[in-house]
Amino acid sequence: MINLDEDALICDFAEYYHIYDYHQIRPLMCAALAVGLRENSRIRMKLTGQKITTDQTLLAAIADRLGILIWQRTENGQKGVNMPKSIIDEINRDHSMDVRGFDSGESLLKELEKYNVD
């Protein structure tokens, strides 16, 4: 766990156990405490590759299903157009493509002008 994300483990220990320096405790005790962290702790979520907790996933699924049920009763739903976007799909989407870089301040300002941003 330490090799995966030491900062996450430090934050979890501070939050759950009020241990601010895990180096002060024995390695076996450290391991026992790490195993005892909740499933929604930072390090456990990183280990399992989860972006959101199980509860958050269930809430997003409920919201998605409710949105579809409501949409089905509209004119668009009857025609099968403009289906609402899935919250779960948006959470799981790869957001790395949303990041853009600029070579200079001038190129940034030119891009901002397109959106009338001062």
C-alpha atoms as a PDB file:
ATOM      1  CA  MET A   1       0.000   0.000   0.000  1.00  0.00           C
ATOM      2  CA  ILE A   2       2.819   2.377   0.803  1.00  0.00           C
ATOM      3  CA  ASN A   3       4.387   1.781  -2.600  1.00  0.00           C
ATOM      4  CA  LEU A   4       1.069   2.369  -4.363  1.00  0.00           C
ATOM      5  CA  ASP A   5       0.195   5.733  -2.775  1.00  0.00           C
ATOM      6  CA  GLU A   6       1.879   6.704   0.465  1.00  0.00           C
ATOM      7  CA  ASP A   7       0.042  10.030   0.646  1.00  0.00           C
ATOM      8  CA  ALA A   8      -3.349   8.314   0.497  1.00  0.00           C
ATOM      9  CA  LEU A   9      -2.327   5.936   3.272  1.00  0.00           C
ATOM     10  CA  ILE A  10      -1.052   8.814   5.420  1.00  0.00           C
ATOM     11  CA  CYS A  11      -4.327  10.693   4.932  1.00  0.00           C
ATOM     12  CA  ASP A  12      -6.380   7.601   5.772  1.00  0.00           C
ATOM     13  CA  PHE A  13      -4.363   6.901   8.925  1.00  0.00           C
ATOM     14  CA  ALA A  14      -4.746  10.524  10.009  1.00  0.00           C
ATOM     15  CA  GLU A  15      -8.482  10.551   9.315  1.00  0.00           C
ATOM     16  CA  TYR A  16      -9.436   7.168  10.779  1.00  0.00           C
ATOM     17  CA  TYR A  17      -6.845   6.568  13.498  1.00  0.00           C
ATOM     18  CA  HIS A  18      -5.409  10.044  14.188  1.00  0.00           C
ATOM     19  CA  ILE A  19      -1.958   8.671  13.394  1.00  0.00           C
ATOM     20  CA  TYR A  20       0.041  11.417  11.735  1.00  0.00           C
ATOM     21  CA  ASP A  21       3.359   9.586  11.404  1.00  0.00           C
ATOM     22  CA  TYR A  22       2.991   5.897  10.640  1.00  0.00           C
ATOM     23  CA  HIS A  23       6.765   5.457  11.003  1.00  0.00           C
ATOM     24  CA  GLN A  24       6.274   5.692  14.767  1.00  0.00           C
ATOM     25  CA  ILE A  25       4.326   2.418  14.936  1.00  0.00           C
ATOM     26  CA  ARG A  26       5.526  -1.141  14.356  1.00  0.00           C
ATOM     27  CA  PRO A  27       5.244  -2.446  10.766  1.00  0.00           C
ATOM     28  CA  LEU A  28       2.891  -5.288  11.784  1.00  0.00           C
ATOM     29  CA  MET A  29       0.620  -2.826  13.589  1.00  0.00           C
ATOM     30  CA  CYS A  30       0.735  -0.558  10.539  1.00  0.00           C
ATOM     31  CA  ALA A  31      -0.282  -3.479   8.324  1.00  0.00           C
ATOM     32  CA  ALA A  32      -3.132  -4.459  10.655  1.00  0.00           C
ATOM     33  CA  LEU A  33      -4.455  -0.901  10.678  1.00  0.00           C
ATOM     34  CA  ALA A  34      -4.183  -0.661   6.902  1.00  0.00           C
ATOM     35  CA  VAL A  35      -6.197  -3.861   6.442  1.00  0.00           C
ATOM     36  CA  GLY A  36      -8.821  -2.480   8.829  1.00  0.00           C
ATOM     37  CA  LEU A  37      -9.498   0.639   6.778  1.00  0.00           C
ATOM     38  CA  ARG A  38     -13.017   0.984   5.416  1.00  0.00           C
ATOM     39  CA  GLU A  39     -13.771   0.112   1.805  1.00  0.00           C
ATOM     40  CA  ASN A  40     -14.255   3.807   0.992  1.00  0.00           C
ATOM     41  CA  SER A  41     -10.820   4.833   2.277  1.00  0.00           C
ATOM     42  CA  ARG A  42      -8.525   6.493  -0.243  1.00  0.00           C
ATOM     43  CA  ILE A  43      -6.006   3.665  -0.370  1.00  0.00           C
ATOM     44  CA  ARG A  44      -8.584   0.865  -0.596  1.00  0.00           C
ATOM     45  CA  MET A  45     -10.385   2.638  -3.435  1.00  0.00           C
ATOM     46  CA  LYS A  46      -7.083   3.079  -5.228  1.00  0.00           C
ATOM     47  CA  LEU A  47      -6.254  -0.609  -4.741  1.00  0.00           C
ATOM     48  CA  THR A  48      -9.575  -1.681  -6.238  1.00  0.00           C
ATOM     49  CA  GLY A  49      -9.511   0.942  -8.999  1.00  0.00           C
ATOM     50  CA  GLN A  50     -12.777   2.536  -7.897  1.00  0.00           C
ATOM     51  CA  LYS A  51     -13.438   6.188  -8.696  1.00  0.00           C
ATOM     52  CA  ILE A  52     -16.504   6.421  -6.474  1.00  0.00           C
ATOM     53  CA  THR A  53     -17.856   4.419  -3.548  1.00  0.00           C
ATOM     54  CA  THR A  54     -20.438   1.670  -3.846  1.00  0.00           C
ATOM     55  CA  ASP A  55     -23.058   3.937  -2.272  1.00  0.00           C
ATOM     56  CA  GLN A  56     -22.301   6.689  -4.784  1.00  0.00           C
ATOM     57  CA  THR A  57     -22.520   4.175  -7.632  1.00  0.00           C
ATOM     58  CA  LEU A  58     -25.937   2.994  -6.431  1.00  0.00           C
ATOM     59  CA  LEU A  59     -27.187   6.577  -6.113  1.00  0.00           C
ATOM     60  CA  ALA A  60     -25.966   7.398  -9.625  1.00  0.00           C
ATOM     61  CA  ALA A  61     -27.684   4.249 -10.957  1.00  0.00           C
ATOM     62  CA  ILE A  62     -30.939   5.242  -9.253  1.00  0.00           C
ATOM     63  CA  ALA A  63     -30.699   8.754 -10.718  1.00  0.00           C
ATOM     64  CA  ASP A  64     -29.986   7.311 -14.178  1.00  0.00           C
ATOM     65  CA  ARG A  65     -32.989   4.967 -14.038  1.00  0.00           C
ATOM     66  CA  LEU A  66     -35.277   7.710 -12.737  1.00  0.00           C
ATOM     67  CA  GLY A  67     -34.117  10.035 -15.505  1.00  0.00           C
ATOM     68  CA  ILE A  68     -34.904   7.390 -18.122  1.00  0.00           C
ATOM     69  CA  LEU A  69     -38.350   6.726 -16.625  1.00  0.00           C
ATOM     70  CA  ILE A  70     -39.194  10.431 -16.702  1.00  0.00           C
ATOM     71  CA  TRP A  71     -37.730  10.860 -20.204  1.00  0.00           C
ATOM     72  CA  GLN A  72     -39.826   7.960 -21.526  1.00  0.00           C
ATOM     73  CA  ARG A  73     -42.982   9.894 -20.642  1.00  0.00           C
ATOM     74  CA  THR A  74     -41.945  12.948 -22.695  1.00  0.00           C
ATOM     75  CA  GLU A  75     -42.414  13.560 -26.425  1.00  0.00           C
ATOM     76  CA  ASN A  76     -38.676  13.034 -26.941  1.00  0.00           C
ATOM     77  CA  GLY A  77     -38.873   9.738 -25.090  1.00  0.00           C
ATOM     78  CA  GLN A  78     -41.786   8.574 -27.240  1.00  0.00           C
ATOM     79  CA  LYS A  79     -39.699   9.362 -30.320  1.00  0.00           C
ATOM     80  CA  GLY A  80     -36.516   7.904 -28.797  1.00  0.00           C
ATOM     81  CA  VAL A  81     -34.486  11.114 -29.144  1.00  0.00           C
ATOM     82  CA  ASN A  82     -32.485  13.264 -26.698  1.00  0.00           C
ATOM     83  CA  MET A  83     -32.081  10.511 -24.130  1.00  0.00           C
ATOM     84  CA  PRO A  84     -30.619  11.863 -20.878  1.00  0.00           C
ATOM     85  CA  LYS A  85     -26.890  11.325 -20.338  1.00  0.00           C
ATOM     86  CA  SER A  86     -25.928   8.613 -17.888  1.00  0.00           C
ATOM     87  CA  ILE A  87     -24.292   9.851 -14.699  1.00  0.00           C
ATOM     88  CA  ILE A  88     -22.405   6.579 -14.297  1.00  0.00           C
ATOM     89  CA  ASP A  89     -21.106   6.757 -17.867  1.00  0.00           C
ATOM     90  CA  GLU A  90     -19.933  10.322 -17.275  1.00  0.00           C
ATOM     91  CA  ILE A  91     -18.135   9.339 -14.067  1.00  0.00           C
ATOM     92  CA  ASN A  92     -16.413   6.409 -15.766  1.00  0.00           C
ATOM     93  CA  ARG A  93     -15.532   8.372 -18.922  1.00  0.00           C
ATOM     94  CA  ASP A  94     -11.852   9.030 -19.546  1.00  0.00           C
ATOM     95  CA  HIS A  95     -11.475  12.724 -18.711  1.00  0.00           C
ATOM     96  CA  SER A  96      -7.845  12.897 -19.813  1.00  0.00           C
ATOM     97  CA  MET A  97      -8.910  14.248 -23.204  1.00  0.00           C
ATOM     98  CA  ASP A  98     -10.556  17.250 -21.476  1.00  0.00           C
ATOM     99  CA  VAL A  99      -7.142  18.699 -20.623  1.00  0.00           C
ATOM    100  CA  ARG A 100      -5.590  21.036 -23.154  1.00  0.00           C
ATOM    101  CA  GLY A 101      -2.250  22.776 -23.160  1.00  0.00           C
ATOM    102  CA  PHE A 102      -1.026  25.959 -24.809  1.00  0.00           C
ATOM    103  CA  ASP A 103       2.398  26.832 -26.170  1.00  0.00           C
ATOM    104  CA  SER A 104       2.228  30.426 -25.001  1.00  0.00           C
ATOM    105  CA  GLY A 105       0.101  32.934 -23.172  1.00  0.00           C
ATOM    106  CA  GLU A 106      -0.904  34.398 -26.531  1.00  0.00           C
ATOM    107  CA  SER A 107      -2.367  31.124 -27.762  1.00  0.00           C
ATOM    108  CA  LEU A 108      -4.325  30.821 -24.495  1.00  0.00           C
ATOM    109  CA  LEU A 109      -5.700  34.349 -24.878  1.00  0.00           C
ATOM    110  CA  LYS A 110      -6.748  33.622 -28.479  1.00  0.00           C
ATOM    111  CA  GLU A 111      -8.642  30.546 -27.316  1.00  0.00           C
ATOM    112  CA  LEU A 112     -10.311  32.484 -24.502  1.00  0.00           C
ATOM    113  CA  GLU A 113     -11.440  35.152 -26.979  1.00  0.00           C
ATOM    114  CA  LYS A 114     -13.532  32.480 -28.728  1.00  0.00           C
ATOM    115  CA  TYR A 115     -15.563  32.122 -25.545  1.00  0.00           C
ATOM    116  CA  ASN A 116     -15.648  35.848 -24.683  1.00  0.00           C
ATOM    117  CA  VAL A 117     -13.754  35.206 -21.461  1.00  0.00           C
ATOM    118  CA  ASP A 118     -11.917  38.188 -20.001  1.00  0.00           C
END
